[in-house]
């Protein structure tokens, strides 16, 4: 229920607060693949899963279709990975982390090779 689309559907984000994880009885490890769902949607070139790991800590998993380098995005925040799969941790609450990463992701999408509406 937290899936949001940005940049005319080219960026998908998912939020997973700790209370949601606790209520579901799930574990942190079981959520890693959620980002793949968002990245598999038609027209999505990059996806981010924001998982609250503490009151002021957010883990972000990034995936891309090959048209955006999410490792470059992750490096901006001290993270790393590969062009199509990367991650980072931000010392900030989920809303703040989300705003920062989305702003950077939109910049990367705008500078990328993909024009709006291309699949």
N, C-alpha and C. Protein backbone atom coordinates (compact mmCIF):
# COMPACT_ATOMS: atom_id res chain seq x y z
N UNK A 1 0.79 -1.20 0.00
CA UNK A 1 0.00 0.00 0.00
C UNK A 1 0.84 1.27 0.00
N UNK A 2 2.15 1.17 0.10
CA UNK A 2 2.98 2.37 0.15
C UNK A 2 3.65 2.68 -1.19
N UNK A 3 3.31 1.93 -2.22
CA UNK A 3 3.91 2.13 -3.54
C UNK A 3 3.51 3.49 -4.10
N UNK A 4 4.50 4.27 -4.53
CA UNK A 4 4.25 5.56 -5.18
C UNK A 4 5.08 5.63 -6.45
N UNK A 5 4.53 6.28 -7.45
CA UNK A 5 5.24 6.51 -8.70
C UNK A 5 5.57 7.99 -8.83
N UNK A 6 6.75 8.26 -9.37
CA UNK A 6 7.25 9.62 -9.55
C UNK A 6 7.78 9.74 -10.98
N UNK A 7 8.00 10.96 -11.43
CA UNK A 7 8.61 11.22 -12.74
C UNK A 7 7.88 10.48 -13.85
N UNK A 8 6.57 10.69 -13.90
CA UNK A 8 5.74 10.08 -14.94
C UNK A 8 5.87 8.56 -14.96
N UNK A 9 6.01 7.97 -13.78
CA UNK A 9 6.07 6.52 -13.66
C UNK A 9 7.43 5.90 -13.86
N UNK A 10 8.46 6.71 -14.01
CA UNK A 10 9.80 6.15 -14.23
C UNK A 10 10.51 5.78 -12.94
N UNK A 11 10.05 6.32 -11.80
CA UNK A 11 10.62 6.00 -10.48
C UNK A 11 9.51 5.48 -9.59
N UNK A 12 9.74 4.33 -8.98
CA UNK A 12 8.78 3.75 -8.03
C UNK A 12 9.43 3.67 -6.67
N UNK A 13 8.67 4.02 -5.63
CA UNK A 13 9.18 3.93 -4.26
C UNK A 13 8.22 3.14 -3.39
N UNK A 14 8.79 2.44 -2.43
CA UNK A 14 8.04 1.69 -1.42
C UNK A 14 8.58 2.07 -0.05
N UNK A 15 7.71 2.20 0.93
CA UNK A 15 8.11 2.51 2.31
C UNK A 15 7.75 1.35 3.22
N UNK A 16 8.66 1.00 4.11
CA UNK A 16 8.41 -0.05 5.08
C UNK A 16 8.84 0.43 6.47
N UNK A 17 7.91 1.06 7.22
CA UNK A 17 8.23 1.47 8.59
C UNK A 17 8.35 0.26 9.51
N UNK A 18 9.10 0.40 10.59
CA UNK A 18 9.28 -0.69 11.55
C UNK A 18 7.96 -1.20 12.11
N UNK A 19 7.02 -0.30 12.40
CA UNK A 19 5.76 -0.75 12.98
C UNK A 19 4.98 -1.65 12.01
N UNK A 20 5.08 -1.39 10.72
CA UNK A 20 4.42 -2.25 9.73
C UNK A 20 5.06 -3.64 9.73
N UNK A 21 6.37 -3.67 9.80
CA UNK A 21 7.09 -4.94 9.82
C UNK A 21 6.72 -5.73 11.07
N UNK A 22 6.68 -5.07 12.21
CA UNK A 22 6.33 -5.73 13.47
C UNK A 22 4.90 -6.27 13.44
N UNK A 23 3.96 -5.46 12.93
CA UNK A 23 2.56 -5.90 12.86
C UNK A 23 2.38 -7.12 11.96
N UNK A 24 3.18 -7.21 10.92
CA UNK A 24 3.05 -8.33 9.98
C UNK A 24 3.71 -9.60 10.50
N UNK A 25 4.60 -9.45 11.49
CA UNK A 25 5.33 -10.61 11.99
C UNK A 25 6.48 -11.02 11.10
N UNK A 26 6.78 -10.19 10.11
CA UNK A 26 7.87 -10.49 9.18
C UNK A 26 9.22 -10.10 9.76
N UNK A 27 10.26 -10.44 9.01
CA UNK A 27 11.62 -10.08 9.40
C UNK A 27 12.21 -9.15 8.36
N UNK A 28 13.21 -8.42 8.77
CA UNK A 28 13.90 -7.49 7.88
C UNK A 28 14.41 -8.20 6.63
N UNK A 29 15.02 -9.37 6.81
CA UNK A 29 15.59 -10.12 5.69
C UNK A 29 14.54 -10.52 4.65
N UNK A 30 13.31 -10.73 5.11
CA UNK A 30 12.25 -11.16 4.20
C UNK A 30 11.78 -10.04 3.28
N UNK A 31 12.19 -8.81 3.53
CA UNK A 31 11.70 -7.67 2.77
C UNK A 31 12.62 -7.23 1.63
N UNK A 32 13.80 -7.76 1.55
CA UNK A 32 14.79 -7.31 0.55
C UNK A 32 14.23 -7.39 -0.87
N UNK A 33 13.50 -8.41 -1.20
CA UNK A 33 13.00 -8.59 -2.56
C UNK A 33 11.85 -7.68 -2.94
N UNK A 34 11.27 -6.95 -1.98
CA UNK A 34 10.14 -6.08 -2.28
C UNK A 34 10.48 -5.06 -3.38
N UNK A 35 11.71 -4.58 -3.37
CA UNK A 35 12.11 -3.57 -4.35
C UNK A 35 12.02 -4.13 -5.77
N UNK A 36 12.19 -5.44 -5.92
CA UNK A 36 12.12 -6.05 -7.25
C UNK A 36 10.71 -5.95 -7.83
N UNK A 37 9.71 -6.02 -6.98
CA UNK A 37 8.34 -5.86 -7.44
C UNK A 37 8.17 -4.49 -8.10
N UNK A 38 8.61 -3.45 -7.41
CA UNK A 38 8.47 -2.09 -7.93
C UNK A 38 9.27 -1.91 -9.22
N UNK A 39 10.46 -2.47 -9.27
CA UNK A 39 11.30 -2.28 -10.46
C UNK A 39 10.80 -3.07 -11.65
N UNK A 40 9.94 -4.06 -11.43
CA UNK A 40 9.43 -4.87 -12.55
C UNK A 40 8.19 -4.27 -13.21
N UNK A 41 7.68 -3.18 -12.68
CA UNK A 41 6.49 -2.56 -13.24
C UNK A 41 6.81 -1.90 -14.59
N UNK A 42 5.87 -1.98 -15.50
CA UNK A 42 6.04 -1.40 -16.84
C UNK A 42 6.32 0.10 -16.74
N UNK A 43 7.37 0.55 -17.42
CA UNK A 43 7.71 1.96 -17.46
C UNK A 43 8.62 2.43 -16.35
N UNK A 44 8.84 1.60 -15.33
CA UNK A 44 9.70 1.98 -14.21
C UNK A 44 11.16 1.72 -14.59
N UNK A 45 11.98 2.75 -14.46
CA UNK A 45 13.41 2.63 -14.78
C UNK A 45 14.27 2.52 -13.53
N UNK A 46 13.73 2.97 -12.40
CA UNK A 46 14.45 2.86 -11.13
C UNK A 46 13.42 2.71 -10.01
N UNK A 47 13.82 1.94 -8.98
CA UNK A 47 12.94 1.71 -7.83
C UNK A 47 13.75 1.79 -6.55
N UNK A 48 13.07 2.23 -5.49
CA UNK A 48 13.72 2.35 -4.19
C UNK A 48 12.79 1.81 -3.11
N UNK A 49 13.34 1.00 -2.22
CA UNK A 49 12.64 0.50 -1.05
C UNK A 49 13.28 1.15 0.17
N UNK A 50 12.49 1.90 0.93
CA UNK A 50 12.95 2.58 2.13
C UNK A 50 12.50 1.77 3.34
N UNK A 51 13.46 1.21 4.08
CA UNK A 51 13.14 0.41 5.27
C UNK A 51 13.69 1.09 6.50
N UNK A 52 12.82 1.35 7.43
CA UNK A 52 13.21 1.96 8.70
C UNK A 52 13.92 0.89 9.53
N UNK A 53 15.17 1.16 9.90
CA UNK A 53 15.92 0.20 10.71
C UNK A 53 16.11 0.71 12.13
N UNK A 54 15.75 1.96 12.38
CA UNK A 54 15.82 2.58 13.70
C UNK A 54 15.16 3.93 13.63
N UNK A 55 15.06 4.61 14.78
CA UNK A 55 14.38 5.91 14.80
C UNK A 55 15.00 6.95 13.87
N UNK A 56 16.28 6.89 13.69
CA UNK A 56 16.98 7.84 12.83
C UNK A 56 17.89 7.11 11.85
N UNK A 57 17.41 5.97 11.33
CA UNK A 57 18.21 5.21 10.37
C UNK A 57 17.29 4.55 9.36
N UNK A 58 17.62 4.75 8.09
CA UNK A 58 16.83 4.19 6.99
C UNK A 58 17.74 3.48 6.02
N UNK A 59 17.40 2.26 5.71
CA UNK A 59 18.12 1.46 4.72
C UNK A 59 17.37 1.59 3.40
N UNK A 60 18.10 1.88 2.32
CA UNK A 60 17.48 2.06 1.01
C UNK A 60 18.07 1.05 0.04
N UNK A 61 17.19 0.25 -0.56
CA UNK A 61 17.59 -0.69 -1.61
C UNK A 61 17.16 -0.11 -2.94
N UNK A 62 18.06 -0.11 -3.90
CA UNK A 62 17.80 0.48 -5.21
C UNK A 62 17.92 -0.57 -6.31
N UNK A 63 17.04 -0.49 -7.29
CA UNK A 63 17.12 -1.35 -8.46
C UNK A 63 16.87 -0.50 -9.69
N UNK A 64 17.45 -0.93 -10.83
CA UNK A 64 17.27 -0.20 -12.08
C UNK A 64 17.17 -1.17 -13.24
N UNK A 65 16.62 -0.68 -14.32
CA UNK A 65 16.41 -1.49 -15.51
C UNK A 65 17.62 -1.48 -16.44
N UNK A 66 18.66 -0.77 -16.08
CA UNK A 66 19.82 -0.66 -16.94
C UNK A 66 19.90 0.69 -17.63
N UNK A 67 18.88 1.50 -17.46
CA UNK A 67 18.85 2.81 -18.09
C UNK A 67 19.26 3.92 -17.13
N UNK A 68 19.37 3.58 -15.84
CA UNK A 68 19.82 4.51 -14.80
C UNK A 68 20.84 3.77 -13.94
N UNK A 69 21.94 4.41 -13.59
CA UNK A 69 22.98 3.80 -12.75
C UNK A 69 22.68 4.08 -11.28
N UNK A 70 22.05 3.10 -10.60
CA UNK A 70 21.70 3.32 -9.20
C UNK A 70 22.92 3.24 -8.28
N UNK A 71 24.01 2.65 -8.72
CA UNK A 71 25.24 2.66 -7.91
C UNK A 71 25.76 4.08 -7.77
N UNK A 72 25.68 4.86 -8.84
CA UNK A 72 26.11 6.27 -8.77
C UNK A 72 25.23 7.04 -7.80
N UNK A 73 23.94 6.75 -7.82
CA UNK A 73 23.02 7.38 -6.88
C UNK A 73 23.37 7.00 -5.44
N UNK A 74 23.60 5.71 -5.20
CA UNK A 74 23.94 5.23 -3.86
C UNK A 74 25.23 5.86 -3.34
N UNK A 75 26.21 6.02 -4.22
CA UNK A 75 27.50 6.61 -3.81
C UNK A 75 27.34 8.03 -3.28
N UNK A 76 26.34 8.76 -3.77
CA UNK A 76 26.10 10.12 -3.26
C UNK A 76 25.80 10.12 -1.77
N UNK A 77 25.34 8.98 -1.25
CA UNK A 77 24.96 8.87 0.15
C UNK A 77 25.87 7.91 0.92
N UNK A 78 27.03 7.59 0.35
CA UNK A 78 27.99 6.72 1.02
C UNK A 78 27.72 5.24 0.82
N UNK A 79 26.80 4.91 -0.07
CA UNK A 79 26.48 3.51 -0.35
C UNK A 79 27.25 3.02 -1.56
N UNK A 80 26.80 1.90 -2.09
CA UNK A 80 27.46 1.34 -3.25
C UNK A 80 26.66 0.22 -3.86
N UNK A 81 27.29 -0.45 -4.79
CA UNK A 81 26.63 -1.56 -5.45
C UNK A 81 27.01 -1.62 -6.91
N UNK A 82 26.06 -2.05 -7.71
CA UNK A 82 26.25 -2.22 -9.15
C UNK A 82 25.27 -1.29 -9.87
N UNK A 83 25.48 -1.05 -11.15
CA UNK A 83 24.59 -0.14 -11.87
C UNK A 83 23.09 -0.49 -11.77
N UNK A 84 22.77 -1.77 -11.66
CA UNK A 84 21.36 -2.17 -11.61
C UNK A 84 20.87 -2.55 -10.22
N UNK A 85 21.76 -2.64 -9.24
CA UNK A 85 21.37 -3.00 -7.87
C UNK A 85 22.35 -2.38 -6.89
N UNK A 86 21.82 -1.55 -6.01
CA UNK A 86 22.69 -0.85 -5.07
C UNK A 86 21.93 -0.60 -3.78
N UNK A 87 22.64 -0.11 -2.78
CA UNK A 87 22.01 0.18 -1.51
C UNK A 87 22.78 1.20 -0.71
N UNK A 88 22.12 1.74 0.29
CA UNK A 88 22.73 2.74 1.14
C UNK A 88 21.97 2.81 2.45
N UNK A 89 22.59 3.39 3.45
CA UNK A 89 21.95 3.64 4.74
C UNK A 89 22.11 5.12 5.05
N UNK A 90 21.01 5.74 5.46
CA UNK A 90 21.01 7.17 5.79
C UNK A 90 20.66 7.32 7.27
N UNK A 91 21.44 8.15 7.97
CA UNK A 91 21.16 8.45 9.37
C UNK A 91 20.07 9.52 9.43
N UNK A 92 18.84 9.11 9.12
CA UNK A 92 17.70 10.02 9.12
C UNK A 92 16.43 9.19 9.18
N UNK A 93 15.37 9.80 9.66
CA UNK A 93 14.06 9.15 9.68
C UNK A 93 13.59 8.92 8.24
N UNK A 94 12.68 7.97 8.07
CA UNK A 94 12.21 7.59 6.74
C UNK A 94 11.74 8.79 5.91
N UNK A 95 10.91 9.69 6.43
CA UNK A 95 10.45 10.80 5.57
C UNK A 95 11.59 11.66 5.04
N UNK A 96 12.58 11.93 5.87
CA UNK A 96 13.72 12.75 5.46
C UNK A 96 14.57 11.99 4.45
N UNK A 97 14.86 10.73 4.74
CA UNK A 97 15.65 9.90 3.83
C UNK A 97 14.95 9.78 2.48
N UNK A 98 13.67 9.56 2.51
CA UNK A 98 12.88 9.43 1.30
C UNK A 98 12.97 10.69 0.45
N UNK A 99 12.78 11.83 1.05
CA UNK A 99 12.85 13.09 0.31
C UNK A 99 14.21 13.30 -0.32
N UNK A 100 15.28 13.01 0.42
CA UNK A 100 16.64 13.20 -0.10
C UNK A 100 16.93 12.28 -1.28
N UNK A 101 16.60 11.01 -1.12
CA UNK A 101 16.92 10.04 -2.17
C UNK A 101 16.04 10.26 -3.40
N UNK A 102 14.77 10.57 -3.20
CA UNK A 102 13.90 10.83 -4.36
C UNK A 102 14.41 12.04 -5.14
N UNK A 103 14.79 13.09 -4.44
CA UNK A 103 15.33 14.28 -5.12
C UNK A 103 16.55 13.91 -5.97
N UNK A 104 17.46 13.13 -5.40
CA UNK A 104 18.65 12.71 -6.14
C UNK A 104 18.28 11.78 -7.29
N UNK A 105 17.35 10.86 -7.06
CA UNK A 105 16.94 9.93 -8.12
C UNK A 105 16.31 10.67 -9.29
N UNK A 106 15.51 11.67 -9.00
CA UNK A 106 14.90 12.46 -10.07
C UNK A 106 15.96 13.18 -10.89
N UNK A 107 16.99 13.64 -10.22
CA UNK A 107 18.12 14.27 -10.92
C UNK A 107 18.80 13.27 -11.85
N UNK A 108 19.03 12.05 -11.36
CA UNK A 108 19.67 11.01 -12.16
C UNK A 108 18.78 10.62 -13.34
N UNK A 109 17.50 10.51 -13.11
CA UNK A 109 16.58 10.18 -14.20
C UNK A 109 16.59 11.28 -15.27
N UNK A 110 16.59 12.53 -14.84
CA UNK A 110 16.58 13.65 -15.78
C UNK A 110 17.86 13.67 -16.62
N UNK A 111 18.98 13.25 -16.03
CA UNK A 111 20.25 13.25 -16.73
C UNK A 111 20.47 11.98 -17.53
N UNK A 112 19.60 10.99 -17.34
CA UNK A 112 19.75 9.69 -18.00
C UNK A 112 19.42 9.70 -19.48
N UNK A 113 19.55 8.52 -20.06
CA UNK A 113 19.34 8.37 -21.49
C UNK A 113 17.88 8.22 -21.87
N UNK A 114 16.99 8.13 -20.89
CA UNK A 114 15.60 7.78 -21.15
C UNK A 114 14.72 9.01 -21.15
N UNK A 115 13.98 9.20 -22.19
CA UNK A 115 13.00 10.29 -22.25
C UNK A 115 11.69 9.82 -21.66
N UNK A 116 10.90 10.71 -21.14
CA UNK A 116 9.59 10.38 -20.57
C UNK A 116 8.76 9.63 -21.60
N UNK A 117 8.11 8.58 -21.13
CA UNK A 117 7.22 7.82 -22.00
C UNK A 117 7.89 6.68 -22.74
N UNK A 118 9.22 6.61 -22.76
CA UNK A 118 9.89 5.48 -23.41
C UNK A 118 9.92 4.31 -22.48
N UNK A 119 9.84 3.13 -23.00
CA UNK A 119 9.88 1.91 -22.18
C UNK A 119 11.08 1.07 -22.54
